[in-house]
N, C-alpha and C. Protein backbone atom coordinates (compact mmCIF):
# COMPACT_ATOMS: atom_id res chain seq x y z
N MET A 1 0.86 -1.19 0.00
CA MET A 1 0.00 0.00 0.00
C MET A 1 0.90 1.24 0.00
N THR A 2 0.65 2.20 -0.94
CA THR A 2 1.47 3.41 -1.03
C THR A 2 1.18 4.33 0.13
N THR A 3 2.06 5.32 0.30
CA THR A 3 1.89 6.30 1.39
C THR A 3 0.58 7.05 1.24
N MET A 4 0.21 7.45 0.02
CA MET A 4 -1.02 8.19 -0.22
C MET A 4 -2.25 7.36 0.13
N LEU A 5 -2.23 6.08 -0.24
CA LEU A 5 -3.36 5.21 0.06
C LEU A 5 -3.51 5.01 1.56
N LYS A 6 -2.36 4.85 2.27
CA LYS A 6 -2.40 4.71 3.74
C LYS A 6 -3.02 5.93 4.39
N LEU A 7 -2.66 7.14 3.85
CA LEU A 7 -3.19 8.39 4.39
C LEU A 7 -4.69 8.47 4.18
N LEU A 8 -5.16 8.14 2.99
CA LEU A 8 -6.58 8.18 2.69
C LEU A 8 -7.35 7.17 3.54
N PHE A 9 -6.75 6.02 3.77
CA PHE A 9 -7.39 4.98 4.58
C PHE A 9 -7.55 5.44 6.03
N SER A 10 -6.49 6.09 6.57
CA SER A 10 -6.53 6.59 7.95
C SER A 10 -7.58 7.67 8.11
N VAL A 11 -7.65 8.58 7.13
CA VAL A 11 -8.63 9.67 7.19
C VAL A 11 -10.04 9.10 7.14
N GLY A 12 -10.24 8.09 6.28
CA GLY A 12 -11.56 7.48 6.15
C GLY A 12 -12.00 6.80 7.43
N VAL A 13 -11.09 6.05 8.06
CA VAL A 13 -11.41 5.37 9.32
C VAL A 13 -11.73 6.36 10.41
N SER A 14 -10.92 7.44 10.50
CA SER A 14 -11.14 8.47 11.51
C SER A 14 -12.50 9.11 11.33
N ALA A 15 -12.89 9.36 10.10
CA ALA A 15 -14.17 10.01 9.83
C ALA A 15 -15.33 9.12 10.26
N VAL A 16 -15.19 7.85 9.99
CA VAL A 16 -16.25 6.92 10.38
C VAL A 16 -16.38 6.84 11.89
N LEU A 17 -15.21 6.75 12.59
CA LEU A 17 -15.24 6.60 14.04
C LEU A 17 -15.66 7.86 14.76
N SER A 18 -15.35 9.03 14.18
CA SER A 18 -15.65 10.30 14.86
C SER A 18 -17.01 10.84 14.50
N GLY A 19 -17.57 10.39 13.39
CA GLY A 19 -18.85 10.92 12.94
C GLY A 19 -20.01 10.24 13.65
N PRO A 20 -21.22 10.80 13.55
CA PRO A 20 -22.39 10.21 14.19
C PRO A 20 -22.75 8.88 13.52
N LEU A 21 -23.20 7.95 14.35
CA LEU A 21 -23.59 6.65 13.85
C LEU A 21 -25.10 6.58 13.76
N HIS A 22 -25.64 6.04 12.68
CA HIS A 22 -27.08 5.95 12.50
C HIS A 22 -27.46 4.51 12.19
N ALA A 23 -28.56 4.08 12.76
CA ALA A 23 -29.07 2.74 12.49
C ALA A 23 -30.05 2.81 11.35
N ALA A 24 -29.88 1.97 10.39
CA ALA A 24 -30.78 1.98 9.24
C ALA A 24 -32.05 1.23 9.57
N ASP A 25 -33.19 1.78 9.18
CA ASP A 25 -34.47 1.11 9.37
C ASP A 25 -34.72 0.22 8.17
N LEU A 26 -34.64 -1.09 8.41
CA LEU A 26 -34.78 -2.03 7.31
C LEU A 26 -36.24 -2.42 7.08
N GLY A 27 -37.13 -1.89 7.92
CA GLY A 27 -38.53 -2.22 7.76
C GLY A 27 -38.88 -3.54 8.40
N VAL A 28 -40.12 -3.97 8.27
CA VAL A 28 -40.58 -5.23 8.85
C VAL A 28 -40.35 -6.35 7.85
N LEU A 29 -39.61 -7.36 8.28
CA LEU A 29 -39.27 -8.45 7.38
C LEU A 29 -40.30 -9.58 7.44
N GLY A 30 -41.19 -9.59 8.44
CA GLY A 30 -42.18 -10.64 8.58
C GLY A 30 -43.15 -10.29 9.69
N PRO A 31 -44.17 -11.10 9.88
CA PRO A 31 -45.14 -10.81 10.93
C PRO A 31 -44.50 -10.91 12.30
N THR A 32 -44.90 -10.08 13.23
CA THR A 32 -44.37 -10.10 14.60
C THR A 32 -45.50 -10.41 15.56
N TYR A 33 -45.11 -11.07 16.70
CA TYR A 33 -46.09 -11.44 17.71
C TYR A 33 -45.51 -11.12 19.08
N PRO A 34 -46.33 -10.82 20.07
CA PRO A 34 -45.83 -10.62 21.44
C PRO A 34 -45.35 -11.93 22.02
N ILE A 35 -44.34 -11.89 22.91
CA ILE A 35 -43.81 -13.10 23.54
C ILE A 35 -44.83 -13.61 24.53
N ALA A 36 -45.35 -14.81 24.27
CA ALA A 36 -46.42 -15.34 25.10
C ALA A 36 -45.94 -16.42 26.07
N GLU A 37 -44.72 -17.00 25.87
CA GLU A 37 -44.23 -18.07 26.72
C GLU A 37 -43.91 -17.57 28.13
N ARG A 38 -44.33 -18.34 29.14
CA ARG A 38 -44.02 -17.97 30.51
C ARG A 38 -42.57 -18.30 30.82
N ASN A 39 -42.00 -17.52 31.69
CA ASN A 39 -40.64 -17.79 32.13
C ASN A 39 -40.59 -19.18 32.77
N LEU A 40 -39.55 -19.96 32.41
CA LEU A 40 -39.48 -21.35 32.88
C LEU A 40 -39.45 -21.42 34.40
N LEU A 41 -38.67 -20.54 35.05
CA LEU A 41 -38.59 -20.55 36.50
C LEU A 41 -39.94 -20.23 37.13
N ASP A 42 -40.67 -19.27 36.54
CA ASP A 42 -42.00 -18.92 37.04
C ASP A 42 -42.93 -20.13 36.92
N GLU A 43 -42.79 -20.86 35.82
CA GLU A 43 -43.62 -22.05 35.60
C GLU A 43 -43.36 -23.10 36.67
N ILE A 44 -42.07 -23.31 36.96
CA ILE A 44 -41.70 -24.31 37.97
C ILE A 44 -42.22 -23.91 39.35
N MET A 45 -42.01 -22.62 39.72
CA MET A 45 -42.45 -22.14 41.03
C MET A 45 -43.96 -22.22 41.17
N ALA A 46 -44.69 -21.88 40.10
CA ALA A 46 -46.14 -21.95 40.15
C ALA A 46 -46.60 -23.40 40.35
N ASN A 47 -45.90 -24.33 39.68
CA ASN A 47 -46.23 -25.75 39.81
C ASN A 47 -45.99 -26.24 41.23
N LEU A 48 -44.86 -25.81 41.82
CA LEU A 48 -44.54 -26.22 43.19
C LEU A 48 -45.53 -25.63 44.19
N ARG A 49 -45.91 -24.39 43.98
CA ARG A 49 -46.88 -23.75 44.89
C ARG A 49 -48.22 -24.48 44.83
N GLU A 50 -48.60 -24.92 43.64
CA GLU A 50 -49.86 -25.65 43.49
C GLU A 50 -49.79 -27.01 44.21
N LYS A 51 -48.64 -27.68 44.08
CA LYS A 51 -48.47 -28.97 44.75
C LYS A 51 -48.44 -28.80 46.26
N GLU A 52 -47.86 -27.69 46.70
CA GLU A 52 -47.84 -27.41 48.14
C GLU A 52 -49.26 -27.12 48.64
N ARG A 53 -50.03 -26.37 47.86
CA ARG A 53 -51.40 -26.01 48.25
C ARG A 53 -52.28 -27.24 48.37
N THR A 54 -52.10 -28.19 47.45
CA THR A 54 -52.95 -29.39 47.45
C THR A 54 -52.44 -30.46 48.43
N GLY A 55 -51.27 -30.22 49.05
CA GLY A 55 -50.74 -31.18 49.99
C GLY A 55 -49.93 -32.30 49.36
N GLU A 56 -49.71 -32.22 48.04
CA GLU A 56 -49.00 -33.29 47.35
C GLU A 56 -47.55 -33.38 47.82
N ILE A 57 -46.91 -32.24 48.06
CA ILE A 57 -45.52 -32.25 48.52
C ILE A 57 -45.43 -32.88 49.91
N MET A 58 -46.37 -32.53 50.81
CA MET A 58 -46.37 -33.10 52.15
C MET A 58 -46.55 -34.61 52.11
N ARG A 59 -47.45 -35.07 51.25
CA ARG A 59 -47.68 -36.52 51.13
C ARG A 59 -46.44 -37.23 50.61
N TRP A 60 -45.75 -36.60 49.65
CA TRP A 60 -44.52 -37.18 49.10
C TRP A 60 -43.44 -37.28 50.18
N GLN A 61 -43.32 -36.21 51.00
CA GLN A 61 -42.33 -36.22 52.07
C GLN A 61 -42.62 -37.30 53.10
N GLU A 62 -43.90 -37.44 53.46
CA GLU A 62 -44.29 -38.46 54.43
C GLU A 62 -44.03 -39.86 53.89
N LYS A 63 -44.29 -40.06 52.60
CA LYS A 63 -44.06 -41.36 51.97
C LYS A 63 -42.58 -41.72 52.01
N LYS A 64 -41.72 -40.75 51.68
CA LYS A 64 -40.28 -40.99 51.70
C LYS A 64 -39.80 -41.26 53.12
N LYS A 65 -40.33 -40.53 54.08
CA LYS A 65 -39.94 -40.71 55.48
C LYS A 65 -40.34 -42.09 55.98
N THR A 66 -41.56 -42.51 55.62
CA THR A 66 -42.04 -43.83 56.02
C THR A 66 -41.18 -44.93 55.41
N ALA A 67 -40.83 -44.77 54.12
CA ALA A 67 -40.00 -45.77 53.44
C ALA A 67 -38.62 -45.86 54.06
N ALA A 68 -38.06 -44.70 54.44
CA ALA A 68 -36.73 -44.68 55.06
C ALA A 68 -36.76 -45.37 56.42
N ASN A 69 -37.80 -45.09 57.21
CA ASN A 69 -37.93 -45.72 58.51
C ASN A 69 -38.11 -47.22 58.39
N GLU A 70 -38.89 -47.63 57.40
CA GLU A 70 -39.13 -49.05 57.18
C GLU A 70 -37.84 -49.78 56.80
N ALA A 71 -37.00 -49.10 56.00
CA ALA A 71 -35.72 -49.69 55.58
C ALA A 71 -34.79 -49.89 56.77
N VAL A 72 -34.91 -49.01 57.78
CA VAL A 72 -34.08 -49.13 58.98
C VAL A 72 -34.63 -50.20 59.90
N VAL A 73 -35.94 -50.17 60.13
CA VAL A 73 -36.56 -51.12 61.05
C VAL A 73 -36.60 -52.53 60.47
N ASN A 74 -36.93 -52.64 59.19
CA ASN A 74 -37.02 -53.94 58.53
C ASN A 74 -36.22 -53.93 57.22
N PRO A 75 -34.91 -54.11 57.30
CA PRO A 75 -34.10 -54.12 56.06
C PRO A 75 -34.51 -55.28 55.16
N LYS A 76 -34.19 -55.15 53.90
CA LYS A 76 -34.48 -56.23 52.96
C LYS A 76 -33.69 -57.48 53.35
N PRO A 77 -34.35 -58.64 53.38
CA PRO A 77 -33.62 -59.87 53.73
C PRO A 77 -32.57 -60.21 52.68
N VAL A 78 -31.54 -60.88 53.13
CA VAL A 78 -30.47 -61.30 52.22
C VAL A 78 -31.02 -62.39 51.30
N PRO A 79 -30.94 -62.21 49.98
CA PRO A 79 -31.48 -63.22 49.06
C PRO A 79 -30.60 -64.45 48.96
N GLY A 80 -31.21 -65.56 48.56
CA GLY A 80 -30.43 -66.78 48.29
C GLY A 80 -30.19 -67.67 49.49
N LEU A 81 -30.76 -67.33 50.66
CA LEU A 81 -30.56 -68.14 51.85
C LEU A 81 -31.83 -68.91 52.18
N SER A 82 -31.65 -70.08 52.83
CA SER A 82 -32.81 -70.86 53.24
C SER A 82 -32.54 -71.44 54.63
N ARG A 83 -33.58 -71.96 55.22
CA ARG A 83 -33.51 -72.55 56.56
C ARG A 83 -32.76 -73.87 56.50
N ALA A 84 -31.82 -74.07 57.41
CA ALA A 84 -31.02 -75.30 57.39
C ALA A 84 -31.86 -76.49 57.82
N ALA A 85 -31.96 -77.47 56.94
CA ALA A 85 -32.71 -78.69 57.24
C ALA A 85 -31.78 -79.79 57.75
N SER A 86 -30.49 -79.66 57.43
CA SER A 86 -29.50 -80.63 57.89
C SER A 86 -28.22 -79.89 58.25
N ALA A 87 -27.44 -80.53 59.09
CA ALA A 87 -26.20 -79.90 59.57
C ALA A 87 -25.10 -80.02 58.52
N ARG A 88 -24.28 -79.00 58.46
CA ARG A 88 -23.12 -79.02 57.55
C ARG A 88 -21.99 -78.25 58.19
N THR A 89 -20.78 -78.80 58.11
CA THR A 89 -19.60 -78.13 58.64
C THR A 89 -18.56 -78.04 57.54
N TYR A 90 -17.99 -76.88 57.37
CA TYR A 90 -16.91 -76.69 56.40
C TYR A 90 -16.00 -75.58 56.90
N TYR A 91 -14.89 -75.35 56.18
CA TYR A 91 -13.89 -74.39 56.64
C TYR A 91 -13.61 -73.32 55.58
N TYR A 92 -13.22 -72.18 56.09
CA TYR A 92 -12.89 -71.06 55.20
C TYR A 92 -11.48 -70.58 55.54
N ASP A 93 -10.63 -70.50 54.52
CA ASP A 93 -9.26 -70.03 54.69
C ASP A 93 -9.19 -68.56 54.27
N PRO A 94 -8.94 -67.65 55.24
CA PRO A 94 -8.94 -66.22 54.92
C PRO A 94 -7.60 -65.70 54.37
N THR A 95 -6.71 -66.61 54.00
CA THR A 95 -5.39 -66.18 53.51
C THR A 95 -5.52 -65.25 52.31
N LEU A 96 -4.78 -64.17 52.34
CA LEU A 96 -4.76 -63.20 51.25
C LEU A 96 -3.49 -63.37 50.43
N VAL A 97 -3.60 -63.20 49.12
CA VAL A 97 -2.45 -63.25 48.21
C VAL A 97 -2.38 -61.91 47.50
N LEU A 98 -1.26 -61.20 47.67
CA LEU A 98 -1.12 -59.88 47.04
C LEU A 98 -1.02 -60.01 45.52
N ASP A 99 -1.80 -59.21 44.81
CA ASP A 99 -1.76 -59.24 43.35
C ASP A 99 -0.83 -58.18 42.78
N ARG A 100 -0.19 -57.39 43.66
CA ARG A 100 0.75 -56.37 43.21
C ARG A 100 1.73 -56.07 44.33
N ASN A 101 2.84 -55.42 43.99
CA ASN A 101 3.82 -55.04 45.00
C ASN A 101 3.28 -53.95 45.90
N ILE A 102 3.58 -54.04 47.18
CA ILE A 102 3.27 -52.99 48.14
C ILE A 102 4.56 -52.24 48.43
N THR A 103 4.57 -50.94 48.13
CA THR A 103 5.79 -50.15 48.28
C THR A 103 5.61 -49.05 49.31
N ASP A 104 6.76 -48.48 49.76
CA ASP A 104 6.69 -47.33 50.66
C ASP A 104 6.72 -46.05 49.84
N GLU A 105 6.82 -44.90 50.54
CA GLU A 105 6.76 -43.62 49.83
C GLU A 105 7.96 -43.40 48.90
N ARG A 106 9.03 -44.16 49.10
CA ARG A 106 10.21 -44.02 48.24
C ARG A 106 10.21 -45.04 47.10
N GLY A 107 9.17 -45.85 47.05
CA GLY A 107 9.08 -46.84 45.98
C GLY A 107 9.76 -48.16 46.30
N LEU A 108 10.28 -48.30 47.52
CA LEU A 108 10.92 -49.55 47.91
C LEU A 108 9.84 -50.60 48.21
N ILE A 109 10.06 -51.81 47.75
CA ILE A 109 9.08 -52.87 47.91
C ILE A 109 9.07 -53.39 49.35
N LEU A 110 7.90 -53.29 49.97
CA LEU A 110 7.73 -53.82 51.33
C LEU A 110 7.25 -55.26 51.27
N PHE A 111 6.25 -55.52 50.42
CA PHE A 111 5.72 -56.87 50.24
C PHE A 111 5.54 -57.11 48.75
N PRO A 112 6.28 -58.06 48.18
CA PRO A 112 6.18 -58.31 46.73
C PRO A 112 4.88 -59.01 46.37
N ALA A 113 4.48 -58.86 45.11
CA ALA A 113 3.30 -59.54 44.60
C ALA A 113 3.47 -61.05 44.80
N GLY A 114 2.39 -61.72 45.18
CA GLY A 114 2.45 -63.15 45.44
C GLY A 114 2.63 -63.48 46.92
N THR A 115 2.89 -62.46 47.75
CA THR A 115 3.01 -62.70 49.18
C THR A 115 1.69 -63.20 49.75
N ARG A 116 1.75 -64.25 50.57
CA ARG A 116 0.55 -64.81 51.19
C ARG A 116 0.55 -64.45 52.67
N LYS A 117 -0.62 -64.00 53.15
CA LYS A 117 -0.72 -63.63 54.56
C LYS A 117 -2.09 -63.99 55.09
N ASN A 118 -2.12 -64.63 56.24
CA ASN A 118 -3.36 -65.00 56.88
C ASN A 118 -3.63 -64.05 58.05
N PRO A 119 -4.71 -63.27 57.99
CA PRO A 119 -5.00 -62.31 59.07
C PRO A 119 -5.12 -62.97 60.44
N LEU A 120 -5.53 -64.24 60.47
CA LEU A 120 -5.71 -64.92 61.75
C LEU A 120 -4.37 -65.25 62.42
N GLU A 121 -3.27 -65.04 61.71
CA GLU A 121 -1.95 -65.17 62.33
C GLU A 121 -1.62 -63.94 63.16
N VAL A 122 -2.35 -62.85 62.91
CA VAL A 122 -2.08 -61.59 63.60
C VAL A 122 -3.18 -61.26 64.62
N VAL A 123 -4.44 -61.46 64.20
CA VAL A 123 -5.56 -61.16 65.09
C VAL A 123 -6.40 -62.42 65.27
N THR A 124 -7.16 -62.45 66.35
CA THR A 124 -8.03 -63.60 66.61
C THR A 124 -9.49 -63.15 66.61
N LEU A 125 -10.36 -64.08 66.31
CA LEU A 125 -11.79 -63.81 66.34
C LEU A 125 -12.24 -63.89 67.79
N SER A 126 -12.53 -62.75 68.36
CA SER A 126 -12.84 -62.70 69.80
C SER A 126 -14.23 -63.25 70.12
N LYS A 127 -15.15 -63.24 69.12
CA LYS A 127 -16.50 -63.75 69.34
C LYS A 127 -16.92 -64.64 68.18
N HIS A 128 -17.83 -65.54 68.45
CA HIS A 128 -18.43 -66.34 67.40
C HIS A 128 -19.37 -65.44 66.59
N LEU A 129 -19.40 -65.64 65.29
CA LEU A 129 -20.33 -64.90 64.43
C LEU A 129 -21.54 -65.79 64.16
N LEU A 130 -22.71 -65.31 64.56
CA LEU A 130 -23.92 -66.12 64.42
C LEU A 130 -24.88 -65.46 63.44
N PHE A 131 -25.10 -66.11 62.32
CA PHE A 131 -26.00 -65.61 61.28
C PHE A 131 -27.35 -66.33 61.40
N PHE A 132 -28.44 -65.56 61.44
CA PHE A 132 -29.77 -66.16 61.52
C PHE A 132 -30.82 -65.18 61.04
N ASP A 133 -32.03 -65.72 60.84
CA ASP A 133 -33.15 -64.93 60.33
C ASP A 133 -34.12 -64.68 61.48
N ALA A 134 -34.27 -63.42 61.87
CA ALA A 134 -35.11 -63.08 63.02
C ALA A 134 -36.60 -63.21 62.71
N ARG A 135 -36.97 -63.46 61.45
CA ARG A 135 -38.37 -63.68 61.11
C ARG A 135 -38.83 -65.09 61.51
N ASP A 136 -37.83 -65.93 61.82
CA ASP A 136 -38.10 -67.32 62.22
C ASP A 136 -37.91 -67.41 63.73
N SER A 137 -39.00 -67.62 64.48
CA SER A 137 -38.93 -67.64 65.95
C SER A 137 -38.04 -68.76 66.46
N GLN A 138 -37.96 -69.90 65.75
CA GLN A 138 -37.10 -71.00 66.17
C GLN A 138 -35.62 -70.63 66.03
N GLN A 139 -35.31 -69.88 64.98
CA GLN A 139 -33.92 -69.43 64.82
C GLN A 139 -33.55 -68.42 65.90
N VAL A 140 -34.47 -67.57 66.27
CA VAL A 140 -34.22 -66.59 67.34
C VAL A 140 -33.98 -67.33 68.65
N ALA A 141 -34.79 -68.34 68.92
CA ALA A 141 -34.62 -69.13 70.15
C ALA A 141 -33.28 -69.85 70.14
N LYS A 142 -32.89 -70.38 68.97
CA LYS A 142 -31.59 -71.07 68.86
C LYS A 142 -30.44 -70.09 69.08
N ALA A 143 -30.59 -68.88 68.54
CA ALA A 143 -29.55 -67.85 68.72
C ALA A 143 -29.41 -67.49 70.19
N GLN A 144 -30.52 -67.39 70.91
CA GLN A 144 -30.47 -67.09 72.33
C GLN A 144 -29.80 -68.24 73.11
N GLU A 145 -30.11 -69.46 72.71
CA GLU A 145 -29.52 -70.64 73.35
C GLU A 145 -28.00 -70.65 73.17
N LEU A 146 -27.54 -70.38 71.95
CA LEU A 146 -26.10 -70.37 71.69
C LEU A 146 -25.40 -69.21 72.41
N THR A 147 -26.07 -68.08 72.48
CA THR A 147 -25.50 -66.93 73.19
C THR A 147 -25.29 -67.27 74.66
N ASP A 148 -26.26 -67.94 75.26
CA ASP A 148 -26.12 -68.36 76.66
C ASP A 148 -25.02 -69.40 76.81
N PHE A 149 -24.95 -70.34 75.84
CA PHE A 149 -23.96 -71.41 75.91
C PHE A 149 -22.53 -70.85 75.87
N TYR A 150 -22.32 -69.86 74.98
CA TYR A 150 -20.98 -69.26 74.85
C TYR A 150 -20.79 -68.06 75.77
N GLN A 151 -21.66 -67.93 76.75
CA GLN A 151 -21.56 -66.89 77.79
C GLN A 151 -21.44 -65.49 77.18
N GLY A 152 -22.27 -65.24 76.17
CA GLY A 152 -22.33 -63.91 75.57
C GLY A 152 -21.26 -63.62 74.54
N LYS A 153 -20.33 -64.56 74.33
CA LYS A 153 -19.27 -64.32 73.36
C LYS A 153 -19.73 -64.67 71.94
N VAL A 154 -20.84 -64.05 71.55
CA VAL A 154 -21.45 -64.27 70.25
C VAL A 154 -21.86 -62.92 69.67
N LYS A 155 -21.55 -62.71 68.40
CA LYS A 155 -22.01 -61.50 67.71
C LYS A 155 -23.18 -61.90 66.82
N PRO A 156 -24.42 -61.53 67.22
CA PRO A 156 -25.59 -61.89 66.42
C PRO A 156 -25.68 -61.03 65.16
N ILE A 157 -25.79 -61.69 64.01
CA ILE A 157 -25.85 -60.98 62.72
C ILE A 157 -27.08 -61.49 61.97
N LEU A 158 -28.02 -60.59 61.72
CA LEU A 158 -29.25 -60.98 61.04
C LEU A 158 -29.08 -60.99 59.52
N VAL A 159 -29.83 -61.89 58.88
CA VAL A 159 -29.92 -61.92 57.42
C VAL A 159 -31.37 -61.64 56.99
N GLY A 160 -32.23 -61.42 57.98
CA GLY A 160 -33.63 -61.12 57.73
C GLY A 160 -34.28 -60.72 59.04
N GLY A 161 -35.35 -59.91 58.96
CA GLY A 161 -36.03 -59.49 60.17
C GLY A 161 -35.52 -58.15 60.68
N SER A 162 -36.11 -57.71 61.79
CA SER A 162 -35.80 -56.40 62.36
C SER A 162 -34.75 -56.50 63.45
N TYR A 163 -33.57 -55.96 63.17
CA TYR A 163 -32.52 -55.98 64.19
C TYR A 163 -32.83 -54.98 65.30
N MET A 164 -33.55 -53.91 64.99
CA MET A 164 -33.89 -52.93 66.01
C MET A 164 -34.86 -53.52 67.03
N ASN A 165 -35.86 -54.24 66.56
CA ASN A 165 -36.80 -54.88 67.48
C ASN A 165 -36.11 -55.91 68.36
N LEU A 166 -35.18 -56.66 67.75
CA LEU A 166 -34.47 -57.69 68.52
C LEU A 166 -33.53 -57.04 69.53
N MET A 167 -32.94 -55.92 69.18
CA MET A 167 -32.09 -55.20 70.14
C MET A 167 -32.89 -54.75 71.35
N LYS A 168 -34.11 -54.28 71.11
CA LYS A 168 -34.98 -53.85 72.21
C LYS A 168 -35.34 -55.03 73.11
N THR A 169 -35.58 -56.19 72.47
CA THR A 169 -35.96 -57.38 73.24
C THR A 169 -34.79 -57.92 74.04
N TRP A 170 -33.63 -58.01 73.40
CA TRP A 170 -32.46 -58.61 74.05
C TRP A 170 -31.68 -57.61 74.91
N GLY A 171 -31.80 -56.33 74.59
CA GLY A 171 -31.04 -55.33 75.33
C GLY A 171 -29.55 -55.39 75.07
N ARG A 172 -29.18 -55.76 73.84
CA ARG A 172 -27.77 -55.85 73.45
C ARG A 172 -27.67 -55.58 71.95
N PRO A 173 -26.46 -55.24 71.46
CA PRO A 173 -26.32 -54.93 70.03
C PRO A 173 -26.62 -56.14 69.15
N VAL A 174 -27.31 -55.88 68.06
CA VAL A 174 -27.59 -56.88 67.03
C VAL A 174 -27.20 -56.26 65.69
N TYR A 175 -26.53 -57.02 64.84
CA TYR A 175 -26.01 -56.50 63.59
C TYR A 175 -26.79 -57.06 62.41
N TYR A 176 -26.54 -56.49 61.24
CA TYR A 176 -27.23 -56.93 60.03
C TYR A 176 -26.20 -57.07 58.91
N ASP A 177 -26.28 -58.17 58.19
CA ASP A 177 -25.34 -58.40 57.08
C ASP A 177 -25.87 -57.67 55.84
N GLN A 178 -25.50 -56.41 55.71
CA GLN A 178 -25.98 -55.59 54.60
C GLN A 178 -25.60 -56.21 53.26
N GLN A 179 -26.63 -56.43 52.42
CA GLN A 179 -26.46 -56.97 51.08
C GLN A 179 -25.79 -58.35 51.06
N GLY A 180 -25.76 -59.01 52.21
CA GLY A 180 -25.21 -60.36 52.27
C GLY A 180 -23.72 -60.44 52.02
N THR A 181 -23.01 -59.38 52.33
CA THR A 181 -21.56 -59.34 52.05
C THR A 181 -20.81 -60.47 52.75
N LEU A 182 -21.11 -60.70 54.03
CA LEU A 182 -20.36 -61.70 54.80
C LEU A 182 -20.75 -63.12 54.44
N VAL A 183 -22.06 -63.37 54.30
CA VAL A 183 -22.46 -64.75 53.98
C VAL A 183 -21.95 -65.17 52.60
N LYS A 184 -21.90 -64.24 51.68
CA LYS A 184 -21.37 -64.55 50.35
C LYS A 184 -19.88 -64.89 50.44
N LYS A 185 -19.16 -64.10 51.21
CA LYS A 185 -17.72 -64.31 51.33
C LYS A 185 -17.41 -65.64 52.01
N LEU A 186 -18.23 -66.00 53.01
CA LEU A 186 -17.99 -67.23 53.76
C LEU A 186 -18.66 -68.45 53.13
N GLY A 187 -19.46 -68.24 52.10
CA GLY A 187 -20.10 -69.35 51.42
C GLY A 187 -21.30 -69.93 52.16
N ILE A 188 -21.91 -69.15 53.03
CA ILE A 188 -23.06 -69.62 53.80
C ILE A 188 -24.31 -69.57 52.92
N THR A 189 -25.03 -70.70 52.86
CA THR A 189 -26.27 -70.76 52.09
C THR A 189 -27.46 -71.14 52.96
N LYS A 190 -27.19 -71.66 54.17
CA LYS A 190 -28.25 -72.07 55.09
C LYS A 190 -28.04 -71.37 56.44
N VAL A 191 -29.15 -71.04 57.08
CA VAL A 191 -29.09 -70.43 58.40
C VAL A 191 -30.07 -71.15 59.33
N PRO A 192 -29.76 -71.16 60.64
CA PRO A 192 -28.67 -70.43 61.30
C PRO A 192 -27.31 -71.08 61.03
N ALA A 193 -26.28 -70.24 61.07
CA ALA A 193 -24.91 -70.70 60.89
C ALA A 193 -24.01 -69.94 61.86
N ILE A 194 -23.08 -70.67 62.47
CA ILE A 194 -22.18 -70.03 63.43
C ILE A 194 -20.74 -70.20 62.94
N VAL A 195 -19.98 -69.12 63.04
CA VAL A 195 -18.59 -69.09 62.56
C VAL A 195 -17.66 -69.00 63.76
N SER A 196 -16.67 -69.90 63.82
CA SER A 196 -15.71 -69.94 64.92
C SER A 196 -14.31 -70.06 64.36
N GLN A 197 -13.33 -69.64 65.13
CA GLN A 197 -11.94 -69.74 64.68
C GLN A 197 -11.34 -71.05 65.17
N GLU A 198 -10.68 -71.76 64.27
CA GLU A 198 -9.90 -72.95 64.62
C GLU A 198 -8.52 -72.78 64.01
N GLY A 199 -7.58 -72.38 64.81
CA GLY A 199 -6.23 -72.13 64.32
C GLY A 199 -6.23 -70.97 63.33
N THR A 200 -5.78 -71.23 62.11
CA THR A 200 -5.73 -70.18 61.09
C THR A 200 -6.86 -70.33 60.06
N ARG A 201 -7.90 -71.06 60.46
CA ARG A 201 -9.06 -71.20 59.60
C ARG A 201 -10.32 -70.80 60.36
N LEU A 202 -11.38 -70.56 59.60
CA LEU A 202 -12.69 -70.31 60.19
C LEU A 202 -13.56 -71.53 59.96
N ARG A 203 -14.16 -72.00 61.02
CA ARG A 203 -15.08 -73.14 60.92
C ARG A 203 -16.50 -72.62 60.83
N ILE A 204 -17.25 -73.06 59.83
CA ILE A 204 -18.65 -72.65 59.67
C ILE A 204 -19.54 -73.87 59.87
N ASP A 205 -20.45 -73.73 60.84
CA ASP A 205 -21.42 -74.80 61.13
C ASP A 205 -22.81 -74.28 60.78
N GLU A 206 -23.44 -74.89 59.77
CA GLU A 206 -24.84 -74.61 59.50
C GLU A 206 -25.65 -75.58 60.35
N LEU A 207 -26.53 -75.03 61.19
CA LEU A 207 -27.20 -75.80 62.22
C LEU A 207 -28.59 -76.23 61.78
N ALA A 208 -28.83 -77.54 61.83
CA ALA A 208 -30.12 -78.08 61.39
C ALA A 208 -31.24 -77.64 62.32
N MET A 209 -32.35 -77.23 61.74
CA MET A 209 -33.53 -76.83 62.49
C MET A 209 -34.61 -77.89 62.29
N GLN A 210 -35.15 -78.38 63.38
CA GLN A 210 -36.18 -79.43 63.32
C GLN A 210 -37.55 -78.79 63.12
């Protein structure tokens, strides 16, 4: 671009920027209508106010509260279990095998992959674990009998029924096997079943109910 062209370009730009700006009226390009849609937030608030007025929100809250209380008082029973018709005894080895190296903060290997360790070599099972269904009065009676026999050194763990009601009756802690995590791990399929430590193994006795 020559010097003269640069000068003319600068003058032109300055004139445009310094002069008054006008908006051109292009006319109406099509039919126009007033905005009739309600604001989305207003719509939501109006809907909520209506539900509150009719009591629908209160009923929903009460329903949720009742369902939550029911889940606490009567948890869902663990699926896949049945009442023991015959006795069975078997053993569970809790030995762990590392699938990767365990290192310290400097990357030094503390325990290499393949290391085998049995937790029962370090800690002992201080109480018998007793799994039973509190919906079955005979199983509850059997659990009470075993608790007395082992002089209270039993941890009662329900797989069905209300642990809160049983706690009130017995006046001692009662536990629940949430989602059957323990019975699945130990291979328990029949209840009542009692778990005891024998050396570095766990002995599981499924107790026949007459």
